[in-house]
Amino acid sequence: MRACATAAVLAAVIGLAGCDHYERPLDSEYQLQSIDGRDDFALCAKRDGGCDVLVEGAVLAWAREGDLSVAIRLPYDLRGPTPGAYDRPQMLEYYVIKRTGTGHGHDVLGPYTEAQFREEAKRLSLPEPLAPPF
């Protein structure tokens, strides 16, 4: 089931190729945003007309429950997603985002491997990451 969901997300990301700029609200506080017109999407916290990047480009899945969010992304560096990572789900990176206080602060923990993330998910009762609504 997880492989099917990951494949569907990858198809959605690939299907958006060619967009110059893209912003997609996920909820009232978070959105996906293209980086420099490229085809990878960062997870951002909306803030006063702007967006604070929490997890840089190539985010594939996200979920939120209360003050905790989780995100999955392809391995990423300044050149973009790691070549071949679309074909190797074991390379996915998992992040936990904790909203701090009443302001715009966030602690971003990760990247975790899938096994490490599953341990954190049990410990913190994290939501299951889902494909963003592209």
N, C-alpha and C. Protein backbone atom coordinates (compact mmCIF):
# COMPACT_ATOMS: atom_id res chain seq x y z
N MET A 1 0.82 -1.19 0.00
CA MET A 1 0.00 0.00 0.00
C MET A 1 0.87 1.25 0.00
N ARG A 2 1.90 1.27 0.86
CA ARG A 2 2.77 2.44 0.94
C ARG A 2 3.47 2.68 -0.39
N ALA A 3 3.90 1.61 -1.07
CA ALA A 3 4.57 1.75 -2.36
C ALA A 3 3.63 2.38 -3.38
N CYS A 4 2.34 2.01 -3.35
CA CYS A 4 1.37 2.60 -4.28
C CYS A 4 1.19 4.08 -3.99
N ALA A 5 1.08 4.44 -2.71
CA ALA A 5 0.91 5.85 -2.35
C ALA A 5 2.13 6.66 -2.77
N THR A 6 3.32 6.11 -2.56
CA THR A 6 4.54 6.81 -2.96
C THR A 6 4.58 6.96 -4.47
N ALA A 7 4.21 5.93 -5.20
CA ALA A 7 4.20 6.01 -6.66
C ALA A 7 3.22 7.06 -7.14
N ALA A 8 2.06 7.17 -6.50
CA ALA A 8 1.07 8.17 -6.90
C ALA A 8 1.59 9.58 -6.66
N VAL A 9 2.28 9.78 -5.54
CA VAL A 9 2.84 11.09 -5.24
C VAL A 9 3.92 11.44 -6.25
N LEU A 10 4.78 10.48 -6.56
CA LEU A 10 5.84 10.74 -7.54
C LEU A 10 5.24 11.10 -8.89
N ALA A 11 4.20 10.42 -9.29
CA ALA A 11 3.55 10.73 -10.57
C ALA A 11 2.98 12.14 -10.54
N ALA A 12 2.41 12.55 -9.42
CA ALA A 12 1.87 13.90 -9.31
C ALA A 12 2.97 14.94 -9.39
N VAL A 13 4.09 14.69 -8.73
CA VAL A 13 5.22 15.62 -8.77
C VAL A 13 5.76 15.73 -10.19
N ILE A 14 5.96 14.59 -10.83
CA ILE A 14 6.49 14.59 -12.19
C ILE A 14 5.50 15.27 -13.14
N GLY A 15 4.22 15.09 -12.90
CA GLY A 15 3.20 15.69 -13.74
C GLY A 15 3.19 17.21 -13.70
N LEU A 16 3.75 17.80 -12.65
CA LEU A 16 3.80 19.25 -12.53
C LEU A 16 5.04 19.84 -13.16
N ALA A 17 5.86 19.03 -13.79
CA ALA A 17 7.10 19.51 -14.40
C ALA A 17 6.78 20.63 -15.38
N GLY A 18 7.62 21.64 -15.36
CA GLY A 18 7.47 22.74 -16.30
C GLY A 18 6.82 23.96 -15.69
N CYS A 19 6.28 23.89 -14.48
CA CYS A 19 5.69 25.06 -13.84
C CYS A 19 6.79 26.05 -13.48
N ASP A 20 6.54 27.35 -13.74
CA ASP A 20 7.53 28.36 -13.37
C ASP A 20 7.48 28.67 -11.90
N HIS A 21 6.30 28.72 -11.34
CA HIS A 21 6.16 29.01 -9.92
C HIS A 21 4.91 28.29 -9.43
N TYR A 22 4.99 27.77 -8.23
CA TYR A 22 3.87 27.00 -7.73
C TYR A 22 3.79 27.15 -6.23
N GLU A 23 2.61 27.46 -5.73
CA GLU A 23 2.34 27.47 -4.30
C GLU A 23 1.06 26.70 -4.09
N ARG A 24 1.08 25.81 -3.12
CA ARG A 24 -0.12 25.01 -2.84
C ARG A 24 -0.35 24.99 -1.34
N PRO A 25 -1.40 25.67 -0.86
CA PRO A 25 -1.71 25.62 0.57
C PRO A 25 -2.03 24.19 1.00
N LEU A 26 -1.49 23.79 2.13
CA LEU A 26 -1.81 22.49 2.70
C LEU A 26 -2.85 22.64 3.81
N ASP A 27 -2.73 23.72 4.56
CA ASP A 27 -3.74 24.11 5.55
C ASP A 27 -3.52 25.59 5.82
N SER A 28 -4.09 26.10 6.91
CA SER A 28 -4.00 27.54 7.17
C SER A 28 -2.58 28.00 7.53
N GLU A 29 -1.70 27.08 7.89
CA GLU A 29 -0.36 27.46 8.33
C GLU A 29 0.76 27.01 7.39
N TYR A 30 0.55 25.95 6.64
CA TYR A 30 1.63 25.37 5.83
C TYR A 30 1.27 25.37 4.34
N GLN A 31 2.31 25.41 3.50
CA GLN A 31 2.12 25.30 2.06
C GLN A 31 3.34 24.67 1.43
N LEU A 32 3.14 24.15 0.21
CA LEU A 32 4.25 23.72 -0.63
C LEU A 32 4.57 24.88 -1.56
N GLN A 33 5.86 25.07 -1.82
CA GLN A 33 6.27 26.16 -2.70
C GLN A 33 7.43 25.71 -3.57
N SER A 34 7.33 26.03 -4.87
CA SER A 34 8.44 25.69 -5.75
C SER A 34 9.62 26.57 -5.39
N ILE A 35 10.82 26.06 -5.65
CA ILE A 35 12.04 26.79 -5.33
C ILE A 35 12.65 27.28 -6.63
N ASP A 36 12.78 28.57 -6.78
CA ASP A 36 13.44 29.15 -7.96
C ASP A 36 12.85 28.63 -9.27
N GLY A 37 11.54 28.39 -9.30
CA GLY A 37 10.91 27.94 -10.52
C GLY A 37 11.23 26.51 -10.91
N ARG A 38 11.93 25.78 -10.03
CA ARG A 38 12.25 24.39 -10.34
C ARG A 38 11.07 23.51 -10.03
N ASP A 39 11.22 22.23 -10.29
CA ASP A 39 10.12 21.30 -10.12
C ASP A 39 10.12 20.58 -8.78
N ASP A 40 10.89 21.07 -7.81
CA ASP A 40 10.85 20.47 -6.48
C ASP A 40 10.14 21.46 -5.57
N PHE A 41 9.53 20.93 -4.51
CA PHE A 41 8.67 21.73 -3.67
C PHE A 41 9.12 21.68 -2.22
N ALA A 42 9.27 22.85 -1.62
CA ALA A 42 9.65 22.96 -0.22
C ALA A 42 8.39 23.02 0.64
N LEU A 43 8.50 22.53 1.87
CA LEU A 43 7.45 22.70 2.85
C LEU A 43 7.74 24.00 3.58
N CYS A 44 6.77 24.90 3.59
CA CYS A 44 6.96 26.22 4.20
C CYS A 44 5.89 26.48 5.25
N ALA A 45 6.25 27.31 6.21
CA ALA A 45 5.28 27.86 7.16
C ALA A 45 4.94 29.26 6.67
N LYS A 46 3.65 29.51 6.45
CA LYS A 46 3.21 30.83 5.99
C LYS A 46 3.49 31.85 7.09
N ARG A 47 3.92 33.05 6.64
CA ARG A 47 4.22 34.07 7.64
C ARG A 47 4.14 35.45 7.01
N ASP A 48 3.22 36.27 7.47
CA ASP A 48 3.13 37.67 7.09
C ASP A 48 3.39 37.91 5.61
N GLY A 49 2.67 37.24 4.76
CA GLY A 49 2.83 37.43 3.32
C GLY A 49 4.02 36.69 2.73
N GLY A 50 4.78 36.01 3.54
CA GLY A 50 5.93 35.25 3.06
C GLY A 50 5.81 33.80 3.45
N CYS A 51 6.93 33.12 3.39
CA CYS A 51 6.94 31.69 3.68
C CYS A 51 8.33 31.31 4.21
N ASP A 52 8.38 30.77 5.43
CA ASP A 52 9.64 30.28 6.00
C ASP A 52 9.82 28.82 5.60
N VAL A 53 10.91 28.53 4.90
CA VAL A 53 11.17 27.16 4.45
C VAL A 53 11.55 26.30 5.66
N LEU A 54 10.83 25.19 5.82
CA LEU A 54 11.10 24.24 6.90
C LEU A 54 11.84 23.01 6.39
N VAL A 55 11.38 22.47 5.26
CA VAL A 55 12.03 21.31 4.63
C VAL A 55 12.22 21.69 3.17
N GLU A 56 13.47 21.76 2.73
CA GLU A 56 13.76 22.19 1.36
C GLU A 56 13.22 21.21 0.34
N GLY A 57 13.30 21.60 -0.90
CA GLY A 57 12.66 20.97 -2.05
C GLY A 57 12.56 19.47 -2.08
N ALA A 58 11.73 19.00 -2.99
CA ALA A 58 11.46 17.59 -3.27
C ALA A 58 10.62 16.93 -2.18
N VAL A 59 9.73 17.71 -1.51
CA VAL A 59 8.80 17.14 -0.53
C VAL A 59 7.73 16.36 -1.27
N LEU A 60 7.51 15.13 -0.84
CA LEU A 60 6.56 14.24 -1.49
C LEU A 60 5.29 14.01 -0.70
N ALA A 61 5.36 14.08 0.62
CA ALA A 61 4.20 13.77 1.46
C ALA A 61 4.28 14.58 2.74
N TRP A 62 3.11 14.84 3.32
CA TRP A 62 3.03 15.68 4.51
C TRP A 62 1.78 15.32 5.29
N ALA A 63 1.81 15.52 6.61
CA ALA A 63 0.62 15.38 7.46
C ALA A 63 0.83 16.22 8.71
N ARG A 64 -0.27 16.61 9.31
CA ARG A 64 -0.20 17.43 10.52
C ARG A 64 -1.27 16.97 11.50
N GLU A 65 -0.88 17.00 12.77
CA GLU A 65 -1.82 16.77 13.85
C GLU A 65 -1.41 17.66 15.01
N GLY A 66 -2.19 18.67 15.30
CA GLY A 66 -1.87 19.61 16.36
C GLY A 66 -0.59 20.37 16.05
N ASP A 67 0.36 20.36 16.99
CA ASP A 67 1.62 21.07 16.82
C ASP A 67 2.69 20.23 16.12
N LEU A 68 2.37 19.01 15.72
CA LEU A 68 3.33 18.14 15.07
C LEU A 68 2.97 17.92 13.60
N SER A 69 3.96 18.03 12.75
CA SER A 69 3.81 17.72 11.33
C SER A 69 4.92 16.76 10.95
N VAL A 70 4.69 16.03 9.88
CA VAL A 70 5.71 15.15 9.32
C VAL A 70 5.78 15.39 7.82
N ALA A 71 6.98 15.21 7.27
CA ALA A 71 7.18 15.38 5.83
C ALA A 71 8.14 14.31 5.34
N ILE A 72 7.95 13.89 4.10
CA ILE A 72 8.86 12.96 3.43
C ILE A 72 9.37 13.67 2.19
N ARG A 73 10.68 13.56 1.96
CA ARG A 73 11.24 14.17 0.76
C ARG A 73 12.28 13.25 0.14
N LEU A 74 12.55 13.53 -1.13
CA LEU A 74 13.67 12.88 -1.79
C LEU A 74 14.96 13.49 -1.28
N PRO A 75 16.05 12.73 -1.24
CA PRO A 75 17.34 13.32 -0.88
C PRO A 75 17.59 14.53 -1.79
N TYR A 76 18.14 15.58 -1.22
CA TYR A 76 18.17 16.86 -1.92
C TYR A 76 19.47 17.59 -1.57
N ASP A 77 20.03 18.25 -2.55
CA ASP A 77 21.14 19.17 -2.28
C ASP A 77 20.96 20.38 -3.18
N LEU A 78 21.94 21.23 -3.28
CA LEU A 78 21.80 22.47 -4.04
C LEU A 78 21.54 22.22 -5.53
N ARG A 79 21.84 21.04 -6.01
CA ARG A 79 21.60 20.71 -7.42
C ARG A 79 20.19 20.18 -7.63
N GLY A 80 19.47 19.88 -6.58
CA GLY A 80 18.13 19.32 -6.70
C GLY A 80 18.10 17.92 -6.13
N PRO A 81 17.03 17.16 -6.43
CA PRO A 81 16.92 15.79 -5.91
C PRO A 81 18.08 14.92 -6.38
N THR A 82 18.48 14.00 -5.52
CA THR A 82 19.56 13.07 -5.86
C THR A 82 19.17 12.24 -7.08
N PRO A 83 20.02 12.19 -8.10
CA PRO A 83 19.69 11.40 -9.30
C PRO A 83 19.36 9.95 -8.95
N GLY A 84 18.31 9.43 -9.56
CA GLY A 84 17.92 8.05 -9.34
C GLY A 84 17.08 7.81 -8.10
N ALA A 85 16.87 8.84 -7.26
CA ALA A 85 16.14 8.64 -6.01
C ALA A 85 14.68 8.28 -6.24
N TYR A 86 14.10 8.74 -7.35
CA TYR A 86 12.70 8.39 -7.64
C TYR A 86 12.53 6.88 -7.73
N ASP A 87 13.56 6.17 -8.14
CA ASP A 87 13.49 4.73 -8.32
C ASP A 87 13.88 3.95 -7.07
N ARG A 88 14.29 4.65 -6.02
CA ARG A 88 14.78 3.96 -4.82
C ARG A 88 14.11 4.53 -3.57
N PRO A 89 12.91 4.05 -3.23
CA PRO A 89 12.19 4.60 -2.08
C PRO A 89 12.95 4.48 -0.77
N GLN A 90 13.90 3.55 -0.67
CA GLN A 90 14.66 3.43 0.57
C GLN A 90 15.52 4.67 0.82
N MET A 91 15.67 5.52 -0.19
CA MET A 91 16.46 6.74 -0.03
C MET A 91 15.64 7.90 0.52
N LEU A 92 14.34 7.73 0.70
CA LEU A 92 13.50 8.81 1.19
C LEU A 92 13.95 9.29 2.56
N GLU A 93 13.79 10.58 2.80
CA GLU A 93 14.15 11.19 4.08
C GLU A 93 12.88 11.65 4.79
N TYR A 94 12.82 11.42 6.09
CA TYR A 94 11.64 11.71 6.90
C TYR A 94 11.98 12.82 7.89
N TYR A 95 11.05 13.76 8.07
CA TYR A 95 11.24 14.89 8.97
C TYR A 95 10.05 15.01 9.92
N VAL A 96 10.34 15.48 11.13
CA VAL A 96 9.32 15.81 12.11
C VAL A 96 9.44 17.31 12.37
N ILE A 97 8.32 18.02 12.29
CA ILE A 97 8.30 19.47 12.51
C ILE A 97 7.44 19.74 13.73
N LYS A 98 8.03 20.40 14.73
CA LYS A 98 7.31 20.75 15.95
C LYS A 98 7.13 22.26 15.98
N ARG A 99 5.87 22.68 16.08
CA ARG A 99 5.61 24.12 16.23
C ARG A 99 5.93 24.49 17.67
N THR A 100 6.65 25.59 17.84
CA THR A 100 7.09 26.00 19.18
C THR A 100 6.38 27.29 19.57
N GLY A 101 5.84 27.32 20.77
CA GLY A 101 5.22 28.53 21.29
C GLY A 101 4.02 28.99 20.48
N THR A 102 3.68 30.26 20.65
CA THR A 102 2.53 30.82 19.93
C THR A 102 2.95 31.61 18.71
N GLY A 103 4.23 31.80 18.50
CA GLY A 103 4.72 32.56 17.36
C GLY A 103 4.89 31.69 16.14
N HIS A 104 5.86 32.06 15.32
CA HIS A 104 6.09 31.35 14.07
C HIS A 104 7.26 30.38 14.17
N GLY A 105 7.69 30.02 15.37
CA GLY A 105 8.84 29.15 15.52
C GLY A 105 8.53 27.68 15.25
N HIS A 106 9.52 27.00 14.71
CA HIS A 106 9.41 25.57 14.42
C HIS A 106 10.76 24.90 14.68
N ASP A 107 10.72 23.72 15.24
CA ASP A 107 11.90 22.86 15.32
C ASP A 107 11.74 21.79 14.25
N VAL A 108 12.75 21.63 13.42
CA VAL A 108 12.71 20.62 12.37
C VAL A 108 13.72 19.54 12.73
N LEU A 109 13.24 18.32 12.90
CA LEU A 109 14.08 17.19 13.29
C LEU A 109 14.21 16.25 12.11
N GLY A 110 15.42 15.82 11.82
CA GLY A 110 15.66 14.92 10.71
C GLY A 110 16.84 15.39 9.88
N PRO A 111 17.16 14.70 8.85
CA PRO A 111 16.38 13.62 8.25
C PRO A 111 16.55 12.30 9.01
N TYR A 112 15.45 11.54 9.01
CA TYR A 112 15.43 10.21 9.56
C TYR A 112 15.31 9.20 8.43
N THR A 113 15.81 8.01 8.66
CA THR A 113 15.51 6.89 7.76
C THR A 113 14.07 6.46 8.07
N GLU A 114 13.53 5.57 7.25
CA GLU A 114 12.17 5.10 7.51
C GLU A 114 12.09 4.39 8.86
N ALA A 115 13.07 3.57 9.18
CA ALA A 115 13.07 2.84 10.45
C ALA A 115 13.14 3.81 11.63
N GLN A 116 14.00 4.81 11.55
CA GLN A 116 14.10 5.80 12.62
C GLN A 116 12.79 6.58 12.76
N PHE A 117 12.20 6.93 11.61
CA PHE A 117 10.94 7.66 11.64
C PHE A 117 9.85 6.83 12.30
N ARG A 118 9.78 5.54 11.98
CA ARG A 118 8.75 4.67 12.58
C ARG A 118 8.89 4.64 14.11
N GLU A 119 10.12 4.65 14.61
CA GLU A 119 10.35 4.70 16.06
C GLU A 119 9.83 6.00 16.64
N GLU A 120 10.17 7.12 15.98
CA GLU A 120 9.69 8.44 16.44
C GLU A 120 8.18 8.52 16.35
N ALA A 121 7.60 7.96 15.30
CA ALA A 121 6.15 7.99 15.13
C ALA A 121 5.45 7.30 16.30
N LYS A 122 5.99 6.17 16.73
CA LYS A 122 5.41 5.46 17.87
C LYS A 122 5.57 6.28 19.14
N ARG A 123 6.76 6.81 19.34
CA ARG A 123 7.07 7.56 20.56
C ARG A 123 6.23 8.83 20.68
N LEU A 124 6.04 9.54 19.57
CA LEU A 124 5.35 10.83 19.59
C LEU A 124 3.91 10.78 19.09
N SER A 125 3.43 9.59 18.70
CA SER A 125 2.09 9.45 18.11
C SER A 125 1.92 10.39 16.92
N LEU A 126 2.84 10.28 15.97
CA LEU A 126 2.84 11.16 14.81
C LEU A 126 1.78 10.74 13.80
N PRO A 127 1.28 11.71 13.04
CA PRO A 127 0.35 11.37 11.95
C PRO A 127 1.09 10.67 10.82
N GLU A 128 0.38 9.88 10.03
CA GLU A 128 0.96 9.20 8.86
C GLU A 128 1.04 10.19 7.72
N PRO A 129 2.23 10.37 7.12
CA PRO A 129 2.34 11.32 6.00
C PRO A 129 1.51 10.86 4.81
N LEU A 130 0.82 11.80 4.22
CA LEU A 130 -0.02 11.53 3.06
C LEU A 130 0.45 12.36 1.88
N ALA A 131 0.05 11.95 0.71
CA ALA A 131 0.40 12.71 -0.49
C ALA A 131 -0.25 14.08 -0.42
N PRO A 132 0.51 15.14 -0.75
CA PRO A 132 -0.10 16.47 -0.80
C PRO A 132 -1.17 16.52 -1.89
N PRO A 133 -2.15 17.36 -1.72
CA PRO A 133 -3.23 17.45 -2.71
C PRO A 133 -2.80 18.26 -3.93
N PHE A 134 -1.97 17.67 -4.80
CA PHE A 134 -1.52 18.38 -5.99
C PHE A 134 -2.72 18.59 -6.88
